[in-house]
Protein backbone atom coordinates (compact mmCIF):
# COMPACT_ATOMS: atom_id res chain seq x y z
CA MET A 1 -18.05 15.58 19.39
CA ASP A 2 -18.42 14.73 22.64
CA PHE A 3 -15.08 15.81 25.57
CA LYS A 4 -14.65 11.56 25.25
CA ALA A 5 -13.79 11.55 21.51
CA ALA A 6 -11.96 14.76 21.41
CA THR A 7 -9.54 13.79 24.39
CA ASP A 8 -9.10 10.01 22.72
CA ILE A 9 -7.63 11.81 19.31
CA LEU A 10 -5.92 14.40 21.25
CA THR A 11 -4.01 11.83 23.55
CA ARG A 12 -3.85 8.91 20.77
CA ARG A 13 0.26 8.37 20.16
CA ILE A 14 1.55 6.66 16.70
CA THR A 15 2.63 3.03 18.03
CA ALA A 16 5.74 0.89 17.08
CA ASP A 17 3.13 -1.23 14.89
CA GLU A 18 2.32 2.06 12.35
CA ILE A 19 5.72 3.20 11.95
CA ALA A 20 6.93 -0.47 11.63
CA ASP A 21 3.96 -0.98 8.85
CA ALA A 22 4.83 2.52 7.58
CA ALA A 23 8.38 1.61 7.13
CA GLY A 24 8.11 -1.85 5.74
CA VAL A 25 9.90 -3.77 8.62
CA SER A 26 8.93 -5.71 11.72
CA ILE A 27 8.02 -4.40 15.01
CA SER A 28 10.99 -6.20 16.55
CA SER A 29 13.33 -4.00 13.92
CA ILE A 30 11.75 -1.13 14.91
CA ALA A 31 12.47 -1.92 18.98
CA ARG A 32 15.63 -2.59 18.08
CA ALA A 33 16.54 0.32 16.61
CA ARG A 34 15.37 2.19 19.66
CA LEU A 35 17.62 0.59 22.45
CA ASP A 36 21.18 2.09 23.38
CA PRO A 37 23.44 1.81 20.46
CA ALA A 38 25.46 0.64 23.02
CA SER A 39 23.27 -2.41 23.18
CA SER A 40 24.22 -5.87 21.45
CA ALA A 41 20.37 -5.96 20.28
CA TYR A 42 20.95 -2.53 18.49
CA ARG A 43 19.94 -2.53 15.20
CA SER A 44 19.92 0.56 12.59
CA PRO A 45 16.88 2.11 12.02
CA PRO A 46 15.19 1.19 8.26
CA GLU A 47 16.29 3.32 5.50
CA ASP A 48 14.58 6.22 5.23
CA TRP A 49 13.05 6.59 8.34
CA GLU A 50 12.98 10.70 8.60
CA THR A 51 11.26 10.44 5.77
CA VAL A 52 8.75 7.98 7.06
CA LEU A 53 8.46 9.61 10.50
CA ALA A 54 7.50 12.85 9.10
CA ARG A 55 4.97 11.61 7.04
CA LEU A 56 2.98 10.00 9.76
CA ALA A 57 3.74 13.26 12.13
CA ARG A 58 1.96 15.15 9.19
CA GLU A 59 -0.84 12.94 9.12
CA ARG A 60 -1.54 13.48 12.84
CA THR A 61 -0.82 17.23 12.36
CA GLU A 62 -3.39 17.31 9.93
CA ASP A 63 -6.28 14.74 12.46
CA PHE A 64 -5.32 17.68 15.25
CA LYS A 65 -6.09 20.42 12.68
CA GLU A 66 -9.10 18.89 11.67
CA LEU A 67 -10.29 18.51 15.43
CA ALA A 68 -9.72 22.19 16.22
CA GLU A 69 -11.90 23.34 13.47
CA GLN A 70 -14.61 20.40 14.51
CA LEU A 71 -14.47 22.25 18.05
CA GLU A 72 -13.93 25.76 17.07
CA ASN A 73 -17.11 25.63 14.76
CA GLN A 74 -18.97 23.16 17.83
CA ALA A 75 -18.23 26.08 20.33
CA GLN A 76 -19.39 29.06 17.99
CA ALA A 77 -22.73 26.72 17.20
CA ARG A 78 -23.46 27.27 21.01
CA ARG A 79 -22.52 30.93 21.57
CA PRO A 80 -25.65 32.89 21.33
């Protein structure tokens, strides 16, 4: 793995599109749920949003763990 590939993984974020897909709602629903509740365009977050976001966070955590292991193995292989 090279530096660019590793930093691409580290800087990749979870997008509103991914959240909408995981929650089974539209992107506009996610956008409106992120607004200030005082806004007339505000809508409540999707049902079970905590579980959805927790799952996405755990998936990303696994990506980071895998990256860390690959980089550590790669660094150890280069050491004399």
